[in-house]
Each structure stands twice: as structure tokens, then as C-alpha cells.
């Protein structure tokens, strides 16, 4: 299942992932429960897992980027 999340949300958690490694899943789960509505057979867990996967993929693309440069990361939008 592929869910389209706002790129700002993915970037936010990808940035936090560097210092929240142990609690990243919990932070994402809380975000999903407060901000998402499952549709059809989706569950909150499904949505949280998909967001986690997209965040970790995005984090890998941002590793070499200076997030605080003020410029958009071209790798984040490929």
C-alpha cells in the first residue's frame, strides 16, 4: 500500500530520525493517531508503517544534505 504523505511531514520526521532513533516509531504512531483517518481496510498501524518506511527512505536521501542550508534538497524530490 502506498500512501501519499505531505513531503513536509516526511522531511520533518526524517530530520528528527537522527536523534529519535529509539522512539521514532512511537512519534510516528502518535502523529498518525492524531492526524490520520484510516480508510477501507487500512489501520492506524498500516498508515504508521507506511509513513515510517517513507521517512527512512527519505532520511537516506537526506544524509549528505545540509538540512539547515535554507535550500531545498534536490534528492528529497526525486
Protein backbone atom coordinates (compact mmCIF):
# COMPACT_ATOMS: atom_id res chain seq x y z
CA UNK A 1 0.00 0.00 0.00
CA UNK A 2 1.39 3.39 -0.99
CA UNK A 3 0.02 6.40 0.86
CA UNK A 4 0.86 9.89 -0.33
CA UNK A 5 2.11 11.88 2.64
CA UNK A 6 2.88 15.58 2.58
CA UNK A 7 6.60 15.99 1.81
CA UNK A 8 6.94 18.40 4.74
CA UNK A 9 5.73 15.64 7.08
CA UNK A 10 8.25 13.17 5.68
CA UNK A 11 11.07 15.73 5.88
CA UNK A 12 10.10 16.62 9.46
CA UNK A 13 10.33 13.02 10.67
CA UNK A 14 13.43 12.31 8.54
CA UNK A 15 15.19 15.19 10.28
CA UNK A 16 14.01 14.02 13.71
CA UNK A 17 15.10 10.46 12.91
CA UNK A 18 18.72 11.38 13.54
CA UNK A 19 18.13 11.97 17.23
CA UNK A 20 14.93 9.98 17.84
CA UNK A 21 16.03 6.62 16.51
CA UNK A 22 14.73 4.69 19.52
CA UNK A 23 11.39 6.49 19.69
CA UNK A 24 10.80 7.38 16.03
CA UNK A 25 8.16 4.67 15.56
CA UNK A 26 6.32 5.90 18.68
CA UNK A 27 6.42 9.51 17.44
CA UNK A 28 5.07 8.46 14.05
CA UNK A 29 2.36 6.29 15.62
CA UNK A 30 1.21 9.20 17.79
CA UNK A 31 1.20 11.54 14.77
CA UNK A 32 -0.86 9.07 12.74
CA UNK A 33 -3.39 8.52 15.52
CA UNK A 34 -3.87 12.27 15.93
CA UNK A 35 -3.79 13.35 12.28
CA UNK A 36 -4.86 10.50 10.02
CA UNK A 37 -8.10 8.64 9.34
CA UNK A 38 -7.87 5.04 8.08
CA UNK A 39 -9.96 4.30 5.01
CA UNK A 40 -11.33 0.96 3.88
CA UNK A 41 -9.27 -1.85 5.33
CA UNK A 42 -6.38 0.42 6.40
CA UNK A 43 -5.45 0.50 10.06
CA UNK A 44 -3.52 3.11 12.02
CA UNK A 45 -0.69 0.59 12.16
CA UNK A 46 -0.68 0.25 8.36
CA UNK A 47 -0.52 4.02 7.95
CA UNK A 48 2.22 4.37 10.57
CA UNK A 49 4.29 1.61 8.94
CA UNK A 50 3.98 3.25 5.53
CA UNK A 51 4.98 6.65 6.90
CA UNK A 52 7.93 5.09 8.74
CA UNK A 53 9.08 3.41 5.51
CA UNK A 54 8.84 6.66 3.55
CA UNK A 55 10.65 8.57 6.30
CA UNK A 56 13.54 6.11 6.45
CA UNK A 57 13.86 6.11 2.65
CA UNK A 58 13.81 9.90 2.64
CA UNK A 59 16.32 10.06 5.52
CA UNK A 60 18.74 8.00 3.46
CA UNK A 61 18.41 10.54 0.64
CA UNK A 62 18.99 13.45 3.03
CA UNK A 63 22.07 12.08 4.81
CA UNK A 64 24.58 14.13 2.87
CA UNK A 65 22.41 17.25 2.66
CA UNK A 66 22.86 20.19 4.98
CA UNK A 67 19.24 20.43 6.11
CA UNK A 68 19.78 23.87 7.60
CA UNK A 69 21.17 25.44 4.44
CA UNK A 70 17.82 27.03 3.66
CA UNK A 71 17.82 25.49 0.19
CA UNK A 72 15.55 22.61 -0.84
CA UNK A 73 17.26 19.25 -1.08
CA UNK A 74 17.03 18.12 -4.70
CA UNK A 75 17.33 14.47 -3.63
CA UNK A 76 14.20 14.72 -1.49
CA UNK A 77 12.03 15.34 -4.55
CA UNK A 78 13.41 12.78 -7.00
